[in-house]
Amino acid sequence: MTRLDPVGAKLRWRGFSREITPDGREPFGYNYEEVSFSSPGKLCRTIHPRGRRSRSLLLNSDDMFVILQAGDEIQACRLTRVGCRRFGPAGLAALPALC
């Protein structure tokens, strides 16, 4: 596990990652780089506030949750010389290979 220390985190609407399945069967995977603004399934019609600061919920293990709506994400950022930037793969441990 790699511990991140975000300087900021915001709940925002992003859209839906494209579903992928190499053999045409479940389980599905998702391609985060390809985003659609239409849902691949049914949506619950609810109102959720966007732009809420969520950093405090990411800093420690506790019993608190962020309630997300379909298509939402939490965007965490790190401090760089040019300001707050999204975390990228540089400096993170590689993920284990899937079976």
Protein backbone atom coordinates (compact mmCIF):
# COMPACT_ATOMS: atom_id res chain seq x y z
CA MET A 1 0.00 0.00 0.00
CA THR A 2 1.27 3.48 -0.85
CA ARG A 3 0.21 6.28 1.47
CA LEU A 4 -0.64 9.53 -0.28
CA ASP A 5 -0.80 12.88 1.48
CA PRO A 6 -3.21 14.99 -0.57
CA VAL A 7 -3.27 18.75 -0.02
CA GLY A 8 -6.77 18.85 -1.44
CA ALA A 9 -9.60 16.58 -2.58
CA LYS A 10 -12.89 17.46 -4.22
CA LEU A 11 -16.02 15.47 -4.98
CA ARG A 12 -16.99 16.14 -8.60
CA TRP A 13 -19.01 14.69 -11.46
CA ARG A 14 -16.77 13.02 -14.03
CA GLY A 15 -18.82 10.75 -16.25
CA PHE A 16 -18.64 7.01 -16.90
CA SER A 17 -15.57 4.99 -17.80
CA ARG A 18 -16.02 2.70 -20.81
CA GLU A 19 -16.78 -0.89 -19.87
CA ILE A 20 -14.33 -3.42 -21.32
CA THR A 21 -14.37 -7.19 -21.41
CA PRO A 22 -11.65 -8.98 -23.38
CA ASP A 23 -13.61 -12.23 -23.75
CA GLY A 24 -17.14 -10.78 -23.93
CA ARG A 25 -18.09 -12.12 -20.51
CA GLU A 26 -18.25 -10.77 -16.96
CA PRO A 27 -16.53 -9.51 -14.93
CA PHE A 28 -16.26 -6.19 -16.72
CA GLY A 29 -13.30 -3.88 -16.42
CA TYR A 30 -13.26 -0.14 -17.03
CA ASN A 31 -11.06 2.09 -19.17
CA TYR A 32 -10.62 5.29 -17.15
CA GLU A 33 -9.17 7.16 -20.16
CA GLU A 34 -12.39 6.82 -22.21
CA VAL A 35 -15.28 8.76 -20.66
CA SER A 36 -18.93 8.91 -21.68
CA PHE A 37 -21.48 11.36 -20.33
CA SER A 38 -24.32 8.86 -20.70
CA SER A 39 -24.78 6.07 -18.18
CA PRO A 40 -24.42 2.43 -19.27
CA GLY A 41 -27.20 1.50 -16.82
CA LYS A 42 -30.09 2.87 -14.81
CA LEU A 43 -29.47 5.88 -12.60
CA CYS A 44 -31.11 6.88 -9.35
CA ARG A 45 -32.41 10.41 -9.72
CA THR A 46 -31.14 12.15 -6.61
CA ILE A 47 -29.56 15.49 -5.84
CA HIS A 48 -26.00 15.46 -4.53
CA PRO A 49 -23.96 18.59 -3.90
CA ARG A 50 -20.88 18.88 -6.11
CA GLY A 51 -17.57 20.52 -5.35
CA ARG A 52 -17.57 19.49 -1.71
CA ARG A 53 -14.18 19.36 -0.06
CA SER A 54 -13.43 15.73 0.84
CA ARG A 55 -9.76 15.79 1.91
CA SER A 56 -10.51 15.14 5.60
CA LEU A 57 -12.25 11.87 4.67
CA LEU A 58 -9.13 10.62 2.85
CA LEU A 59 -6.50 11.32 5.49
CA ASN A 60 -7.29 8.66 8.09
CA SER A 61 -8.93 5.28 8.41
CA ASP A 62 -12.20 5.81 10.23
CA ASP A 63 -15.91 5.07 10.06
CA MET A 64 -16.79 7.95 7.72
CA PHE A 65 -17.81 7.60 4.07
CA VAL A 66 -18.21 9.81 1.05
CA ILE A 67 -21.56 9.18 -0.63
CA LEU A 68 -21.08 9.20 -4.39
CA GLN A 69 -23.61 9.34 -7.17
CA ALA A 70 -23.05 7.31 -10.36
CA GLY A 71 -20.44 9.09 -12.48
CA ASP A 72 -18.80 10.90 -9.54
CA GLU A 73 -15.19 10.74 -8.47
CA ILE A 74 -12.99 12.17 -5.75
CA GLN A 75 -10.15 14.12 -7.31
CA ALA A 76 -7.16 14.30 -4.95
CA CYS A 77 -4.22 16.59 -5.58
CA ARG A 78 -0.65 17.04 -4.39
CA LEU A 79 1.34 20.21 -3.96
CA THR A 80 3.97 20.94 -6.63
CA ARG A 81 6.10 23.96 -7.50
CA VAL A 82 3.34 25.15 -9.83
CA GLY A 83 0.38 24.52 -7.52
CA CYS A 84 -2.05 21.72 -6.79
CA ARG A 85 -1.81 18.88 -9.37
CA ARG A 86 -3.57 15.53 -9.66
CA PHE A 87 -1.72 12.44 -8.48
CA GLY A 88 -0.22 10.42 -11.30
CA PRO A 89 1.53 7.04 -11.43
CA ALA A 90 5.04 8.50 -10.92
CA GLY A 91 6.37 7.56 -7.51
CA LEU A 92 3.61 5.03 -6.78
CA ALA A 93 4.18 1.31 -6.33
CA ALA A 94 3.25 -0.87 -9.29
CA LEU A 95 -0.04 -2.77 -9.01
CA PRO A 96 0.20 -6.55 -8.76
CA ALA A 97 -0.53 -8.55 -11.90
CA LEU A 98 -4.04 -9.98 -12.19
CA CYS A 99 -4.57 -13.75 -12.29
